[in-house]
Amino acid sequence: MKIWWGANIFWIIAYAVITIIIYVRKVDGSGVVQTPGLKTATFIVWTSFIILVFFVQMIIYFVMKRNVKQ
């Protein structure tokens, strides 16, 4: 269970750091100048990925919780 909590802390820190990077950078890796619209689109894609990770972690949590009770 400690590994699961460690993974959660990792994802929270990764989310915060990458969100800051998205909003601070002026040019992305391909050389495209980042406008507020592009930054928002990138943030939406990033947040969608994190939501998917959250749901997978909740499924893993409930499976682990069920196995501990048995």
Protein backbone atom coordinates (compact mmCIF):
# COMPACT_ATOMS: atom_id res chain seq x y z
CA MET A 1 0.00 0.00 0.00
CA LYS A 2 2.97 2.32 0.61
CA ILE A 3 4.00 1.98 -3.04
CA TRP A 4 0.52 3.09 -4.07
CA TRP A 5 0.78 6.25 -1.94
CA GLY A 6 4.26 6.91 -3.30
CA ALA A 7 2.91 6.66 -6.84
CA ASN A 8 0.17 9.17 -5.96
CA ILE A 9 2.70 11.63 -4.61
CA PHE A 10 4.80 11.19 -7.76
CA TRP A 11 1.79 11.97 -10.01
CA ILE A 12 0.84 15.05 -7.96
CA ILE A 13 4.37 16.44 -8.20
CA ALA A 14 4.63 15.57 -11.91
CA TYR A 15 1.28 17.26 -12.60
CA ALA A 16 2.33 20.44 -10.82
CA VAL A 17 5.76 20.64 -12.46
CA ILE A 18 4.54 19.96 -16.00
CA THR A 19 1.64 22.41 -15.60
CA ILE A 20 4.12 25.12 -14.58
CA ILE A 21 6.33 24.25 -17.54
CA ILE A 22 3.35 24.47 -19.92
CA TYR A 23 2.44 27.98 -18.75
CA VAL A 24 6.00 29.34 -18.46
CA ARG A 25 7.52 28.25 -21.76
CA LYS A 26 7.46 30.63 -24.69
CA VAL A 27 8.33 28.11 -27.44
CA ASP A 28 7.65 24.37 -27.44
CA GLY A 29 10.03 21.65 -28.56
CA SER A 30 9.10 21.94 -32.24
CA GLY A 31 9.71 25.69 -32.31
CA VAL A 32 6.07 26.82 -32.28
CA VAL A 33 5.46 30.02 -30.33
CA GLN A 34 3.04 29.29 -27.51
CA THR A 35 -0.06 31.47 -27.52
CA PRO A 36 -2.56 31.42 -24.66
CA GLY A 37 -4.85 29.24 -26.79
CA LEU A 38 -2.14 26.67 -27.45
CA LYS A 39 -1.16 26.65 -23.79
CA THR A 40 -4.77 26.02 -22.83
CA ALA A 41 -5.10 23.20 -25.38
CA THR A 42 -1.91 21.60 -24.09
CA PHE A 43 -3.15 21.94 -20.52
CA ILE A 44 -6.47 20.26 -21.42
CA VAL A 45 -4.65 17.31 -23.03
CA TRP A 46 -2.33 17.01 -20.01
CA THR A 47 -5.23 17.17 -17.56
CA SER A 48 -7.16 14.55 -19.56
CA PHE A 49 -4.19 12.20 -19.27
CA ILE A 50 -3.97 12.79 -15.51
CA ILE A 51 -7.71 12.08 -15.13
CA LEU A 52 -7.18 8.77 -16.95
CA VAL A 53 -4.29 7.95 -14.60
CA PHE A 54 -6.52 8.85 -11.63
CA PHE A 55 -9.24 6.42 -12.72
CA VAL A 56 -6.72 3.62 -13.25
CA GLN A 57 -5.27 4.27 -9.80
CA MET A 58 -8.73 4.19 -8.23
CA ILE A 59 -9.39 0.80 -9.84
CA ILE A 60 -6.05 -0.48 -8.53
CA TYR A 61 -6.83 0.93 -5.07
CA PHE A 62 -10.22 -0.79 -4.85
CA VAL A 63 -8.73 -4.10 -6.03
CA MET A 64 -5.94 -3.83 -3.46
CA LYS A 65 -8.42 -2.88 -0.74
CA ARG A 66 -10.64 -5.87 -1.57
CA ASN A 67 -7.65 -8.26 -1.49
CA VAL A 68 -6.51 -6.98 1.93
CA LYS A 69 -9.93 -7.67 3.51
CA GLN A 70 -10.02 -11.27 2.30
